[in-house]
Amino acid sequence: MEIAQHLITLLLLLLLQAVLGFDNLLYISLESKRAPADKRDKVRKLGIGIAVGLRIVLLFLLTSVISMFTKPFFHFPEGGWVEGHFNFESVIVLFGGGFILYTAVKEIFHMIGEDHLDHSGDERKTKSAGMVIATIVLMNVVFSFDSILSAMALAQEPVLNEAGEAVLGENGKPETRYIMWVMITAIVMSGVLMIWLADRVSSFLERNRLYEVLGLFVLLIVGIMLLTEGAHKAHLKFFGNEIQPMTKTTFYFVIGVLVLIDIVQSKYQRKLLAQREGAKHRV
């Protein structure tokens, strides 16, 4: 019975990783294009592989010293136009959101630049394979916080004594322990799935370059979502108004709207081109 419950928890964690990993996967696919063309496949695999190892290290670290990440170390004075207190978790999420927002905006401005079509996208400024791998690993760690903390909340079981009764802690509540093998298995399996999907998403974007626009705007929303989440974790208030995080439901709704707009726009564009071609033949 216990094994069955652990397997159900594992399936839930895999589903959670899949839902929370979409934005991470998109970032990896877009960022890997900055590496030399002959090394992109290796960069994606190595970057995700190293990130999976660091996720496991982060998992052990968080389960041991989670209070260090949630304990505030900097406070804005109360009563000012800015209020809040920062901890390590909020700073990491804020940094990740700001970096992704900067990357998306920079790529969008490059895309509308005059030289974009003169350079196929492979010949413009590239990074070394090591730099791209480091960036992928760093951002993967940023994306990991939510999924690991959610996994820690799900993968717990009560501590039982020899009589099979729950052991109570000093606060009178049952003590729990983390099911580490379930969380580690979920991290490794999701990493393997990401490696498999990253190649396919990257290939799709290379064959359909128009979808890069959609991908960059999705990345822009990811940056905004992380910024609001980091600000909420820091309890930031501006003029007494606390910043609320963008929920995953809102995020996926906005993504759905963007995809719908892209589909309608593509069909309308093809219709206009067909009408123009027909007008030319009639003339």
C-alpha atoms as a PDB file:
ATOM      1  CA  MET A   1       0.000   0.000   0.000  1.00  0.00           C
ATOM      2  CA  GLU A   2       2.861   2.356   0.866  1.00  0.00           C
ATOM      3  CA  ILE A   3       4.587   1.664  -2.469  1.00  0.00           C
ATOM      4  CA  ALA A   4       1.339   2.391  -4.327  1.00  0.00           C
ATOM      5  CA  GLN A   5       1.014   5.736  -2.533  1.00  0.00           C
ATOM      6  CA  HIS A   6       4.626   6.571  -3.394  1.00  0.00           C
ATOM      7  CA  LEU A   7       4.016   5.753  -7.064  1.00  0.00           C
ATOM      8  CA  ILE A   8       0.930   7.985  -7.102  1.00  0.00           C
ATOM      9  CA  THR A   9       3.031  10.775  -5.578  1.00  0.00           C
ATOM     10  CA  LEU A  10       5.684  10.176  -8.250  1.00  0.00           C
ATOM     11  CA  LEU A  11       3.103  10.495 -11.017  1.00  0.00           C
ATOM     12  CA  LEU A  12       1.782  13.712  -9.482  1.00  0.00           C
ATOM     13  CA  LEU A  13       5.316  15.115  -9.299  1.00  0.00           C
ATOM     14  CA  LEU A  14       5.978  14.205 -12.950  1.00  0.00           C
ATOM     15  CA  LEU A  15       2.767  15.972 -13.957  1.00  0.00           C
ATOM     16  CA  LEU A  16       3.785  18.970 -11.855  1.00  0.00           C
ATOM     17  CA  GLN A  17       7.240  19.036 -13.466  1.00  0.00           C
ATOM     18  CA  ALA A  18       5.644  18.912 -16.924  1.00  0.00           C
ATOM     19  CA  VAL A  19       3.306  21.823 -16.169  1.00  0.00           C
ATOM     20  CA  LEU A  20       5.942  23.986 -14.469  1.00  0.00           C
ATOM     21  CA  GLY A  21       8.675  23.054 -16.968  1.00  0.00           C
ATOM     22  CA  PHE A  22       7.061  24.484 -20.111  1.00  0.00           C
ATOM     23  CA  ASP A  23       8.561  27.963 -19.726  1.00  0.00           C
ATOM     24  CA  ASN A  24      11.945  26.468 -18.840  1.00  0.00           C
ATOM     25  CA  LEU A  25      11.882  24.281 -21.949  1.00  0.00           C
ATOM     26  CA  LEU A  26      11.065  27.240 -24.174  1.00  0.00           C
ATOM     27  CA  TYR A  27      13.927  29.279 -22.702  1.00  0.00           C
ATOM     28  CA  ILE A  28      16.385  26.418 -23.260  1.00  0.00           C
ATOM     29  CA  SER A  29      15.272  26.020 -26.891  1.00  0.00           C
ATOM     30  CA  LEU A  30      15.666  29.737 -27.634  1.00  0.00           C
ATOM     31  CA  GLU A  31      18.889  30.257 -25.683  1.00  0.00           C
ATOM     32  CA  SER A  32      20.619  27.260 -27.300  1.00  0.00           C
ATOM     33  CA  LYS A  33      20.340  29.054 -30.665  1.00  0.00           C
ATOM     34  CA  ARG A  34      23.009  31.464 -29.405  1.00  0.00           C
ATOM     35  CA  ALA A  35      25.590  28.658 -29.410  1.00  0.00           C
ATOM     36  CA  PRO A  36      27.557  27.646 -32.541  1.00  0.00           C
ATOM     37  CA  ALA A  37      25.306  25.631 -34.881  1.00  0.00           C
ATOM     38  CA  ASP A  38      27.353  22.429 -34.664  1.00  0.00           C
ATOM     39  CA  LYS A  39      27.270  22.416 -30.856  1.00  0.00           C
ATOM     40  CA  ARG A  40      23.629  23.253 -30.106  1.00  0.00           C
ATOM     41  CA  ASP A  41      22.466  19.683 -29.599  1.00  0.00           C
ATOM     42  CA  LYS A  42      25.348  19.013 -27.200  1.00  0.00           C
ATOM     43  CA  VAL A  43      24.729  22.313 -25.402  1.00  0.00           C
ATOM     44  CA  ARG A  44      21.072  21.441 -24.717  1.00  0.00           C
ATOM     45  CA  LYS A  45      21.856  17.936 -23.453  1.00  0.00           C
ATOM     46  CA  LEU A  46      24.815  18.996 -21.315  1.00  0.00           C
ATOM     47  CA  GLY A  47      23.069  22.082 -19.945  1.00  0.00           C
ATOM     48  CA  ILE A  48      19.974  20.139 -18.877  1.00  0.00           C
ATOM     49  CA  GLY A  49      22.108  17.266 -17.537  1.00  0.00           C
ATOM     50  CA  ILE A  50      24.168  19.581 -15.308  1.00  0.00           C
ATOM     51  CA  ALA A  51      20.996  21.393 -14.243  1.00  0.00           C
ATOM     52  CA  VAL A  52      19.396  18.090 -13.181  1.00  0.00           C
ATOM     53  CA  GLY A  53      22.434  17.344 -11.004  1.00  0.00           C
ATOM     54  CA  LEU A  54      22.209  20.806  -9.452  1.00  0.00           C
ATOM     55  CA  ARG A  55      18.471  20.327  -8.862  1.00  0.00           C
ATOM     56  CA  ILE A  56      19.225  17.249  -6.797  1.00  0.00           C
ATOM     57  CA  VAL A  57      21.872  19.172  -4.843  1.00  0.00           C
ATOM     58  CA  LEU A  58      19.381  22.018  -4.372  1.00  0.00           C
ATOM     59  CA  LEU A  59      16.767  19.521  -3.186  1.00  0.00           C
ATOM     60  CA  PHE A  60      19.071  18.199  -0.430  1.00  0.00           C
ATOM     61  CA  LEU A  61      20.047  21.766   0.453  1.00  0.00           C
ATOM     62  CA  LEU A  62      16.467  22.992   0.718  1.00  0.00           C
ATOM     63  CA  THR A  63      15.309  20.021   2.786  1.00  0.00           C
ATOM     64  CA  SER A  64      18.172  20.661   5.211  1.00  0.00           C
ATOM     65  CA  VAL A  65      18.294  24.447   5.520  1.00  0.00           C
ATOM     66  CA  ILE A  66      15.038  25.728   4.030  1.00  0.00           C
ATOM     67  CA  SER A  67      14.775  28.351   6.779  1.00  0.00           C
ATOM     68  CA  MET A  68      17.935  30.047   5.459  1.00  0.00           C
ATOM     69  CA  PHE A  69      16.252  30.681   2.084  1.00  0.00           C
ATOM     70  CA  THR A  70      13.026  31.991   3.590  1.00  0.00           C
ATOM     71  CA  LYS A  71      14.562  34.112   6.376  1.00  0.00           C
ATOM     72  CA  PRO A  72      14.628  37.858   5.459  1.00  0.00           C
ATOM     73  CA  PHE A  73      18.039  39.543   5.395  1.00  0.00           C
ATOM     74  CA  PHE A  74      17.087  43.022   4.126  1.00  0.00           C
ATOM     75  CA  HIS A  75      14.116  45.220   5.042  1.00  0.00           C
ATOM     76  CA  PHE A  76      12.691  48.392   3.591  1.00  0.00           C
ATOM     77  CA  PRO A  77      11.505  50.698   6.381  1.00  0.00           C
ATOM     78  CA  GLU A  78       7.779  50.569   7.060  1.00  0.00           C
ATOM     79  CA  GLY A  79       5.682  53.602   6.194  1.00  0.00           C
ATOM     80  CA  GLY A  80       7.722  54.548   3.118  1.00  0.00           C
ATOM     81  CA  TRP A  81       6.586  54.469  -0.496  1.00  0.00           C
ATOM     82  CA  VAL A  82       8.360  51.103  -0.810  1.00  0.00           C
ATOM     83  CA  GLU A  83       7.961  48.390   1.815  1.00  0.00           C
ATOM     84  CA  GLY A  84       9.092  44.782   1.934  1.00  0.00           C
ATOM     85  CA  HIS A  85      11.765  42.363   3.105  1.00  0.00           C
ATOM     86  CA  PHE A  86      13.998  40.261   0.885  1.00  0.00           C
ATOM     87  CA  ASN A  87      15.129  36.678   1.409  1.00  0.00           C
ATOM     88  CA  PHE A  88      17.412  34.564  -0.781  1.00  0.00           C
ATOM     89  CA  GLU A  89      14.508  32.887  -2.552  1.00  0.00           C
ATOM     90  CA  SER A  90      12.874  36.176  -3.562  1.00  0.00           C
ATOM     91  CA  VAL A  91      16.182  37.652  -4.765  1.00  0.00           C
ATOM     92  CA  ILE A  92      16.927  34.602  -6.933  1.00  0.00           C
ATOM     93  CA  VAL A  93      13.437  34.642  -8.490  1.00  0.00           C
ATOM     94  CA  LEU A  94      13.608  38.416  -9.070  1.00  0.00           C
ATOM     95  CA  PHE A  95      17.027  38.103 -10.714  1.00  0.00           C
ATOM     96  CA  GLY A  96      15.805  35.298 -12.958  1.00  0.00           C
ATOM     97  CA  GLY A  97      12.699  37.229 -13.986  1.00  0.00           C
ATOM     98  CA  GLY A  98      14.687  40.373 -14.746  1.00  0.00           C
ATOM     99  CA  PHE A  99      17.256  38.462 -16.796  1.00  0.00           C
ATOM    100  CA  ILE A 100      14.607  36.652 -18.859  1.00  0.00           C
ATOM    101  CA  LEU A 101      12.703  39.905 -19.429  1.00  0.00           C
ATOM    102  CA  TYR A 102      15.910  41.589 -20.610  1.00  0.00           C
ATOM    103  CA  THR A 103      16.726  38.658 -22.914  1.00  0.00           C
ATOM    104  CA  ALA A 104      13.245  38.618 -24.475  1.00  0.00           C
ATOM    105  CA  VAL A 105      13.155  42.394 -25.040  1.00  0.00           C
ATOM    106  CA  LYS A 106      16.655  42.375 -26.544  1.00  0.00           C
ATOM    107  CA  GLU A 107      15.762  39.534 -28.941  1.00  0.00           C
ATOM    108  CA  ILE A 108      12.490  41.222 -29.949  1.00  0.00           C
ATOM    109  CA  PHE A 109      14.314  44.478 -30.781  1.00  0.00           C
ATOM    110  CA  HIS A 110      16.903  42.515 -32.750  1.00  0.00           C
ATOM    111  CA  MET A 111      14.118  40.735 -34.653  1.00  0.00           C
ATOM    112  CA  ILE A 112      12.586  44.043 -35.818  1.00  0.00           C
ATOM    113  CA  GLY A 113      16.007  45.459 -36.674  1.00  0.00           C
ATOM    114  CA  GLU A 114      16.932  46.145 -40.288  1.00  0.00           C
ATOM    115  CA  ASP A 115      19.697  43.530 -40.385  1.00  0.00           C
ATOM    116  CA  HIS A 116      17.603  40.643 -39.064  1.00  0.00           C
ATOM    117  CA  LEU A 117      16.698  39.218 -42.470  1.00  0.00           C
ATOM    118  CA  ASP A 118      20.193  39.801 -43.832  1.00  0.00           C
ATOM    119  CA  HIS A 119      21.511  37.470 -41.141  1.00  0.00           C
ATOM    120  CA  SER A 120      19.730  34.151 -41.009  1.00  0.00           C
ATOM    121  CA  GLY A 121      19.947  34.065 -37.224  1.00  0.00           C
ATOM    122  CA  ASP A 122      22.983  31.779 -37.224  1.00  0.00           C
ATOM    123  CA  GLU A 123      25.522  34.415 -38.253  1.00  0.00           C
ATOM    124  CA  ARG A 124      24.701  37.099 -35.729  1.00  0.00           C
ATOM    125  CA  LYS A 125      26.326  37.424 -32.354  1.00  0.00           C
ATOM    126  CA  THR A 126      26.867  33.993 -30.891  1.00  0.00           C
ATOM    127  CA  LYS A 127      28.084  32.895 -27.493  1.00  0.00           C
ATOM    128  CA  SER A 128      30.562  30.181 -26.707  1.00  0.00           C
ATOM    129  CA  ALA A 129      29.104  26.762 -25.941  1.00  0.00           C
ATOM    130  CA  GLY A 130      30.344  27.055 -22.343  1.00  0.00           C
ATOM    131  CA  MET A 131      28.632  30.425 -21.869  1.00  0.00           C
ATOM    132  CA  VAL A 132      25.304  29.121 -23.205  1.00  0.00           C
ATOM    133  CA  ILE A 133      25.524  26.011 -20.991  1.00  0.00           C
ATOM    134  CA  ALA A 134      26.246  28.189 -17.941  1.00  0.00           C
ATOM    135  CA  THR A 135      23.248  30.417 -18.760  1.00  0.00           C
ATOM    136  CA  ILE A 136      20.930  27.429 -19.243  1.00  0.00           C
ATOM    137  CA  VAL A 137      22.079  25.881 -15.960  1.00  0.00           C
ATOM    138  CA  LEU A 138      21.698  29.172 -14.061  1.00  0.00           C
ATOM    139  CA  MET A 139      18.191  29.828 -15.349  1.00  0.00           C
ATOM    140  CA  ASN A 140      17.227  26.188 -14.799  1.00  0.00           C
ATOM    141  CA  VAL A 141      18.104  26.602 -11.124  1.00  0.00           C
ATOM    142  CA  VAL A 142      15.891  29.717 -10.983  1.00  0.00           C
ATOM    143  CA  PHE A 143      13.000  27.792 -12.534  1.00  0.00           C
ATOM    144  CA  SER A 144      13.661  24.909 -10.117  1.00  0.00           C
ATOM    145  CA  PHE A 145      12.650  26.691  -6.932  1.00  0.00           C
ATOM    146  CA  ASP A 146       8.910  26.505  -7.478  1.00  0.00           C
ATOM    147  CA  SER A 147       8.939  22.900  -8.650  1.00  0.00           C
ATOM    148  CA  ILE A 148      11.210  21.715  -5.813  1.00  0.00           C
ATOM    149  CA  LEU A 149       9.244  23.524  -3.099  1.00  0.00           C
ATOM    150  CA  SER A 150       6.015  22.112  -4.536  1.00  0.00           C
ATOM    151  CA  ALA A 151       7.562  18.643  -4.639  1.00  0.00           C
ATOM    152  CA  MET A 152       8.645  18.971  -1.006  1.00  0.00           C
ATOM    153  CA  ALA A 153       5.070  19.828  -0.051  1.00  0.00           C
ATOM    154  CA  LEU A 154       3.715  16.752  -1.881  1.00  0.00           C
ATOM    155  CA  ALA A 155       6.373  14.137  -1.129  1.00  0.00           C
ATOM    156  CA  GLN A 156       6.026  13.873   2.636  1.00  0.00           C
ATOM    157  CA  GLU A 157       4.957  11.020   4.876  1.00  0.00           C
ATOM    158  CA  PRO A 158       4.330  10.839   8.643  1.00  0.00           C
ATOM    159  CA  VAL A 159       7.013   9.447  10.925  1.00  0.00           C
ATOM    160  CA  LEU A 160       5.678   6.303  12.644  1.00  0.00           C
ATOM    161  CA  ASN A 161       6.847   4.588  15.815  1.00  0.00           C
ATOM    162  CA  GLU A 162       7.188   0.815  16.279  1.00  0.00           C
ATOM    163  CA  ALA A 163       3.446   0.556  17.039  1.00  0.00           C
ATOM    164  CA  GLY A 164       2.614   2.198  13.718  1.00  0.00           C
ATOM    165  CA  GLU A 165       1.410   5.404  15.340  1.00  0.00           C
ATOM    166  CA  ALA A 166       2.342   8.903  14.174  1.00  0.00           C
ATOM    167  CA  VAL A 167       5.147  10.531  16.167  1.00  0.00           C
ATOM    168  CA  LEU A 168       4.184  13.954  17.501  1.00  0.00           C
ATOM    169  CA  GLY A 169       6.592  16.860  17.490  1.00  0.00           C
ATOM    170  CA  GLU A 170       7.146  19.539  20.133  1.00  0.00           C
ATOM    171  CA  ASN A 171       4.275  21.580  18.694  1.00  0.00           C
ATOM    172  CA  GLY A 172       1.887  18.649  19.094  1.00  0.00           C
ATOM    173  CA  LYS A 173       1.607  18.060  15.337  1.00  0.00           C
ATOM    174  CA  PRO A 174       2.661  14.803  13.621  1.00  0.00           C
ATOM    175  CA  GLU A 175       6.262  14.797  12.431  1.00  0.00           C
ATOM    176  CA  THR A 176       6.880  14.213   8.729  1.00  0.00           C
ATOM    177  CA  ARG A 177       9.834  13.261   6.575  1.00  0.00           C
ATOM    178  CA  TYR A 178      10.536  13.791   2.908  1.00  0.00           C
ATOM    179  CA  ILE A 179      10.357  10.855   0.491  1.00  0.00           C
ATOM    180  CA  MET A 180      13.686  11.635  -1.155  1.00  0.00           C
ATOM    181  CA  TRP A 181      13.800   8.772  -3.668  1.00  0.00           C
ATOM    182  CA  VAL A 182      10.450   9.847  -5.117  1.00  0.00           C
ATOM    183  CA  MET A 183      11.583  13.453  -5.583  1.00  0.00           C
ATOM    184  CA  ILE A 184      14.960  12.468  -7.051  1.00  0.00           C
ATOM    185  CA  THR A 185      13.307  10.014  -9.465  1.00  0.00           C
ATOM    186  CA  ALA A 186      10.869  12.721 -10.593  1.00  0.00           C
ATOM    187  CA  ILE A 187      13.721  15.193 -11.157  1.00  0.00           C
ATOM    188  CA  VAL A 188      15.780  12.698 -13.208  1.00  0.00           C
ATOM    189  CA  MET A 189      12.795  11.525 -15.284  1.00  0.00           C
ATOM    190  CA  SER A 190      11.683  15.099 -15.992  1.00  0.00           C
ATOM    191  CA  GLY A 191      15.272  15.951 -16.998  1.00  0.00           C
ATOM    192  CA  VAL A 192      15.350  13.083 -19.505  1.00  0.00           C
ATOM    193  CA  LEU A 193      11.982  14.215 -20.874  1.00  0.00           C
ATOM    194  CA  MET A 194      13.240  17.798 -21.196  1.00  0.00           C
ATOM    195  CA  ILE A 195      16.308  16.646 -23.162  1.00  0.00           C
ATOM    196  CA  TRP A 196      14.044  14.721 -25.534  1.00  0.00           C
ATOM    197  CA  LEU A 197      11.582  17.605 -25.949  1.00  0.00           C
ATOM    198  CA  ALA A 198      14.214  20.384 -26.169  1.00  0.00           C
ATOM    199  CA  ASP A 199      15.641  18.941 -29.406  1.00  0.00           C
ATOM    200  CA  ARG A 200      12.190  18.707 -30.946  1.00  0.00           C
ATOM    201  CA  VAL A 201      11.085  22.186 -29.862  1.00  0.00           C
ATOM    202  CA  SER A 202      14.344  23.671 -31.169  1.00  0.00           C
ATOM    203  CA  SER A 203      13.972  21.836 -34.496  1.00  0.00           C
ATOM    204  CA  PHE A 204      10.387  23.065 -34.804  1.00  0.00           C
ATOM    205  CA  LEU A 205      11.445  26.683 -34.185  1.00  0.00           C
ATOM    206  CA  GLU A 206      14.240  26.376 -36.747  1.00  0.00           C
ATOM    207  CA  ARG A 207      11.815  25.063 -39.401  1.00  0.00           C
ATOM    208  CA  ASN A 208       9.118  27.615 -38.512  1.00  0.00           C
ATOM    209  CA  ARG A 209      10.961  30.838 -37.736  1.00  0.00           C
ATOM    210  CA  LEU A 210       7.736  32.861 -37.575  1.00  0.00           C
ATOM    211  CA  TYR A 211       6.932  31.059 -34.324  1.00  0.00           C
ATOM    212  CA  GLU A 212      10.032  32.638 -32.775  1.00  0.00           C
ATOM    213  CA  VAL A 213       7.972  35.819 -32.367  1.00  0.00           C
ATOM    214  CA  LEU A 214       5.365  33.893 -30.373  1.00  0.00           C
ATOM    215  CA  GLY A 215       8.099  32.183 -28.358  1.00  0.00           C
ATOM    216  CA  LEU A 216       9.788  35.474 -27.458  1.00  0.00           C
ATOM    217  CA  PHE A 217       6.539  37.047 -26.282  1.00  0.00           C
ATOM    218  CA  VAL A 218       5.815  33.933 -24.200  1.00  0.00           C
ATOM    219  CA  LEU A 219       9.294  34.372 -22.712  1.00  0.00           C
ATOM    220  CA  LEU A 220       8.455  38.030 -22.036  1.00  0.00           C
ATOM    221  CA  ILE A 221       5.400  36.943 -20.035  1.00  0.00           C
ATOM    222  CA  VAL A 222       7.515  34.366 -18.181  1.00  0.00           C
ATOM    223  CA  GLY A 223       9.854  37.171 -17.103  1.00  0.00           C
ATOM    224  CA  ILE A 224       6.930  39.277 -15.876  1.00  0.00           C
ATOM    225  CA  MET A 225       5.489  36.263 -14.033  1.00  0.00           C
ATOM    226  CA  LEU A 226       8.805  35.616 -12.241  1.00  0.00           C
ATOM    227  CA  LEU A 227       9.179  39.290 -11.347  1.00  0.00           C
ATOM    228  CA  THR A 228       5.715  39.426  -9.775  1.00  0.00           C
ATOM    229  CA  GLU A 229       6.352  36.138  -7.982  1.00  0.00           C
ATOM    230  CA  GLY A 230       9.701  37.334  -6.611  1.00  0.00           C
ATOM    231  CA  ALA A 231       8.183  40.657  -5.521  1.00  0.00           C
ATOM    232  CA  HIS A 232       5.335  38.792  -3.795  1.00  0.00           C
ATOM    233  CA  LYS A 233       7.804  36.533  -1.985  1.00  0.00           C
ATOM    234  CA  ALA A 234       9.576  39.695  -0.776  1.00  0.00           C
ATOM    235  CA  HIS A 235       6.169  41.174   0.262  1.00  0.00           C
ATOM    236  CA  LEU A 236       6.959  44.290  -1.753  1.00  0.00           C
ATOM    237  CA  LYS A 237       4.492  47.157  -1.471  1.00  0.00           C
ATOM    238  CA  PHE A 238       4.445  50.358  -3.499  1.00  0.00           C
ATOM    239  CA  PHE A 239       2.484  53.174  -1.879  1.00  0.00           C
ATOM    240  CA  GLY A 240       0.799  50.588   0.347  1.00  0.00           C
ATOM    241  CA  ASN A 241      -0.254  48.308  -2.527  1.00  0.00           C
ATOM    242  CA  GLU A 242       1.231  44.816  -2.334  1.00  0.00           C
ATOM    243  CA  ILE A 243       2.334  43.199  -5.601  1.00  0.00           C
ATOM    244  CA  GLN A 244       0.301  40.088  -6.378  1.00  0.00           C
ATOM    245  CA  PRO A 245       1.891  37.170  -8.276  1.00  0.00           C
ATOM    246  CA  MET A 246       0.659  36.086 -11.678  1.00  0.00           C
ATOM    247  CA  THR A 247      -0.987  32.690 -11.186  1.00  0.00           C
ATOM    248  CA  LYS A 248      -0.261  29.729 -13.440  1.00  0.00           C
ATOM    249  CA  THR A 249      -3.899  29.810 -14.539  1.00  0.00           C
ATOM    250  CA  THR A 250      -3.504  33.408 -15.723  1.00  0.00           C
ATOM    251  CA  PHE A 251      -0.173  32.559 -17.363  1.00  0.00           C
ATOM    252  CA  TYR A 252      -1.590  29.688 -19.420  1.00  0.00           C
ATOM    253  CA  PHE A 253      -4.695  31.728 -20.296  1.00  0.00           C
ATOM    254  CA  VAL A 254      -2.489  34.508 -21.703  1.00  0.00           C
ATOM    255  CA  ILE A 255      -0.405  31.929 -23.598  1.00  0.00           C
ATOM    256  CA  GLY A 256      -3.606  30.468 -25.049  1.00  0.00           C
ATOM    257  CA  VAL A 257      -4.712  33.927 -26.198  1.00  0.00           C
ATOM    258  CA  LEU A 258      -1.319  34.561 -27.824  1.00  0.00           C
ATOM    259  CA  VAL A 259      -1.474  31.227 -29.665  1.00  0.00           C
ATOM    260  CA  LEU A 260      -5.017  31.982 -30.846  1.00  0.00           C
ATOM    261  CA  ILE A 261      -3.964  35.434 -32.079  1.00  0.00           C
ATOM    262  CA  ASP A 262      -1.014  33.904 -33.919  1.00  0.00           C
ATOM    263  CA  ILE A 263      -3.231  31.298 -35.619  1.00  0.00           C
ATOM    264  CA  VAL A 264      -5.838  33.882 -36.705  1.00  0.00           C
ATOM    265  CA  GLN A 265      -3.162  36.295 -37.901  1.00  0.00           C
ATOM    266  CA  SER A 266      -1.393  33.590 -39.933  1.00  0.00           C
ATOM    267  CA  LYS A 267      -4.626  32.512 -41.639  1.00  0.00           C
ATOM    268  CA  TYR A 268      -5.619  36.105 -42.368  1.00  0.00           C
ATOM    269  CA  GLN A 269      -2.166  36.827 -43.796  1.00  0.00           C
ATOM    270  CA  ARG A 270      -2.388  33.817 -46.120  1.00  0.00           C
ATOM    271  CA  LYS A 271      -5.855  34.977 -47.212  1.00  0.00           C
ATOM    272  CA  LEU A 272      -4.550  38.464 -48.056  1.00  0.00           C
ATOM    273  CA  LEU A 273      -1.609  37.020 -50.009  1.00  0.00           C
ATOM    274  CA  ALA A 274      -3.975  34.754 -51.980  1.00  0.00           C
ATOM    275  CA  GLN A 275      -6.204  37.745 -52.812  1.00  0.00           C
ATOM    276  CA  ARG A 276      -3.210  39.788 -54.001  1.00  0.00           C
ATOM    277  CA  GLU A 277      -1.968  36.929 -56.176  1.00  0.00           C
ATOM    278  CA  GLY A 278      -5.466  36.568 -57.658  1.00  0.00           C
ATOM    279  CA  ALA A 279      -5.629  40.313 -58.373  1.00  0.00           C
ATOM    280  CA  LYS A 280      -2.243  40.175 -60.173  1.00  0.00           C
ATOM    281  CA  HIS A 281      -3.402  37.324 -62.420  1.00  0.00           C
ATOM    282  CA  ARG A 282      -6.624  39.191 -63.323  1.00  0.00           C
ATOM    283  CA  VAL A 283      -4.622  42.278 -64.280  1.00  0.00           C
END
